[in-house]
Amino acid sequence: MADVPLVLLSGMNCTDDLWTGCGLDDALTPPLTEESIDGQVDQLLTRLPPVFVLGGLSLGAIVAMAIAVREPSRVAGLCLVSTNA
């Protein structure tokens, strides 16, 4: 598989600084700014590459699950940390 971008979604009240120093400098780290999960998923799906690996922490993981359910063919891999369904 060709290089697939890594997308990391932070938790509530976190910024992309969360991922600083983790050796993941090439990762895409879009902010979560929308008022609803559906709105956030809509916004991200218009901005993200056609296929990507997705990681999320807490609220970011909840958004990641929603993305994976809505567009499973775009998610090449999924890592969820400290979340609930």
C-alpha atoms as a PDB file:
ATOM      1  CA  MET A   1       0.000   0.000   0.000  1.00  0.00           C
ATOM      2  CA  ALA A   2       1.298   3.468  -0.852  1.00  0.00           C
ATOM      3  CA  ASP A   3       1.873   5.988   1.891  1.00  0.00           C
ATOM      4  CA  VAL A   4      -1.438   6.561   3.614  1.00  0.00           C
ATOM      5  CA  PRO A   5      -1.723   9.753   5.672  1.00  0.00           C
ATOM      6  CA  LEU A   6      -2.196   9.492   9.416  1.00  0.00           C
ATOM      7  CA  VAL A   7      -4.961  11.645  10.899  1.00  0.00           C
ATOM      8  CA  LEU A   8      -4.960  12.243  14.664  1.00  0.00           C
ATOM      9  CA  LEU A   9      -7.981  13.703  16.453  1.00  0.00           C
ATOM     10  CA  SER A  10      -7.460  15.188  19.907  1.00  0.00           C
ATOM     11  CA  GLY A  11      -9.790  14.992  22.877  1.00  0.00           C
ATOM     12  CA  MET A  12     -12.102  17.652  24.247  1.00  0.00           C
ATOM     13  CA  ASN A  13     -10.259  20.818  25.338  1.00  0.00           C
ATOM     14  CA  CYS A  14      -7.044  19.536  23.731  1.00  0.00           C
ATOM     15  CA  THR A  15      -5.122  21.064  20.853  1.00  0.00           C
ATOM     16  CA  ASP A  16      -2.867  19.474  18.283  1.00  0.00           C
ATOM     17  CA  ASP A  17      -0.012  20.182  20.717  1.00  0.00           C
ATOM     18  CA  LEU A  18      -1.123  16.911  22.303  1.00  0.00           C
ATOM     19  CA  TRP A  19       0.771  15.057  19.573  1.00  0.00           C
ATOM     20  CA  THR A  20       3.962  17.194  19.781  1.00  0.00           C
ATOM     21  CA  GLY A  21       7.085  15.199  20.543  1.00  0.00           C
ATOM     22  CA  CYS A  22       5.492  11.850  19.666  1.00  0.00           C
ATOM     23  CA  GLY A  23       7.463  11.422  16.456  1.00  0.00           C
ATOM     24  CA  LEU A  24       4.319  11.910  14.383  1.00  0.00           C
ATOM     25  CA  ASP A  25       5.212  15.241  12.796  1.00  0.00           C
ATOM     26  CA  ASP A  26       3.782  14.243   9.396  1.00  0.00           C
ATOM     27  CA  ALA A  27       0.338  13.457  10.828  1.00  0.00           C
ATOM     28  CA  LEU A  28      -2.647  15.605   9.987  1.00  0.00           C
ATOM     29  CA  THR A  29      -4.122  17.044  13.192  1.00  0.00           C
ATOM     30  CA  PRO A  30      -7.332  18.889  12.322  1.00  0.00           C
ATOM     31  CA  PRO A  31      -9.084  20.708  15.167  1.00  0.00           C
ATOM     32  CA  LEU A  32     -12.510  19.615  16.410  1.00  0.00           C
ATOM     33  CA  THR A  33     -14.492  22.839  16.246  1.00  0.00           C
ATOM     34  CA  GLU A  34     -18.029  21.884  15.265  1.00  0.00           C
ATOM     35  CA  GLU A  35     -20.924  21.868  17.729  1.00  0.00           C
ATOM     36  CA  SER A  36     -22.132  18.357  16.871  1.00  0.00           C
ATOM     37  CA  ILE A  37     -20.534  15.024  16.039  1.00  0.00           C
ATOM     38  CA  ASP A  38     -22.372  14.870  12.705  1.00  0.00           C
ATOM     39  CA  GLY A  39     -21.270  18.408  11.861  1.00  0.00           C
ATOM     40  CA  GLN A  40     -17.688  17.558  12.743  1.00  0.00           C
ATOM     41  CA  VAL A  41     -17.759  14.402  10.619  1.00  0.00           C
ATOM     42  CA  ASP A  42     -19.202  16.343   7.668  1.00  0.00           C
ATOM     43  CA  GLN A  43     -16.518  19.004   7.974  1.00  0.00           C
ATOM     44  CA  LEU A  44     -13.653  16.527   8.295  1.00  0.00           C
ATOM     45  CA  LEU A  45     -14.756  14.311   5.416  1.00  0.00           C
ATOM     46  CA  THR A  46     -14.631  17.300   3.064  1.00  0.00           C
ATOM     47  CA  ARG A  47     -11.068  18.146   4.180  1.00  0.00           C
ATOM     48  CA  LEU A  48      -9.400  14.764   4.643  1.00  0.00           C
ATOM     49  CA  PRO A  49      -7.615  12.759   1.922  1.00  0.00           C
ATOM     50  CA  PRO A  50      -9.527  10.029   0.062  1.00  0.00           C
ATOM     51  CA  VAL A  51      -7.971   7.282   2.253  1.00  0.00           C
ATOM     52  CA  PHE A  52      -6.275   7.674   5.635  1.00  0.00           C
ATOM     53  CA  VAL A  53      -5.358   5.947   8.889  1.00  0.00           C
ATOM     54  CA  LEU A  54      -7.296   7.456  11.760  1.00  0.00           C
ATOM     55  CA  GLY A  55      -6.424   7.762  15.436  1.00  0.00           C
ATOM     56  CA  GLY A  56      -8.474   9.481  18.078  1.00  0.00           C
ATOM     57  CA  LEU A  57      -8.310  10.230  21.785  1.00  0.00           C
ATOM     58  CA  SER A  58     -11.473  10.608  23.884  1.00  0.00           C
ATOM     59  CA  LEU A  59     -13.827  12.924  21.929  1.00  0.00           C
ATOM     60  CA  GLY A  60     -11.523  12.537  18.934  1.00  0.00           C
ATOM     61  CA  ALA A  61     -12.055   8.779  19.120  1.00  0.00           C
ATOM     62  CA  ILE A  62     -15.827   9.240  19.199  1.00  0.00           C
ATOM     63  CA  VAL A  63     -15.555  11.375  16.057  1.00  0.00           C
ATOM     64  CA  ALA A  64     -13.216   8.768  14.542  1.00  0.00           C
ATOM     65  CA  MET A  65     -15.808   6.029  15.145  1.00  0.00           C
ATOM     66  CA  ALA A  66     -18.468   8.138  13.451  1.00  0.00           C
ATOM     67  CA  ILE A  67     -16.178   8.695  10.457  1.00  0.00           C
ATOM     68  CA  ALA A  68     -15.427   4.962  10.215  1.00  0.00           C
ATOM     69  CA  VAL A  69     -19.128   4.104  10.300  1.00  0.00           C
ATOM     70  CA  ARG A  70     -20.058   6.717   7.710  1.00  0.00           C
ATOM     71  CA  GLU A  71     -17.140   6.175   5.283  1.00  0.00           C
ATOM     72  CA  PRO A  72     -15.516   2.807   6.060  1.00  0.00           C
ATOM     73  CA  SER A  73     -13.868   2.565   2.646  1.00  0.00           C
ATOM     74  CA  ARG A  74     -11.820   5.698   3.386  1.00  0.00           C
ATOM     75  CA  VAL A  75     -10.423   4.444   6.719  1.00  0.00           C
ATOM     76  CA  ALA A  76      -7.384   2.204   6.161  1.00  0.00           C
ATOM     77  CA  GLY A  77      -6.776   1.750   9.885  1.00  0.00           C
ATOM     78  CA  LEU A  78      -8.320   2.853  13.155  1.00  0.00           C
ATOM     79  CA  CYS A  79      -6.915   3.378  16.667  1.00  0.00           C
ATOM     80  CA  LEU A  80      -9.250   4.465  19.479  1.00  0.00           C
ATOM     81  CA  VAL A  81      -7.902   5.531  22.881  1.00  0.00           C
ATOM     82  CA  SER A  82      -9.772   6.350  26.116  1.00  0.00           C
ATOM     83  CA  THR A  83     -13.230   6.476  24.637  1.00  0.00           C
ATOM     84  CA  ASN A  84     -16.705   5.039  24.891  1.00  0.00           C
ATOM     85  CA  ALA A  85     -19.282   4.096  22.314  1.00  0.00           C
END
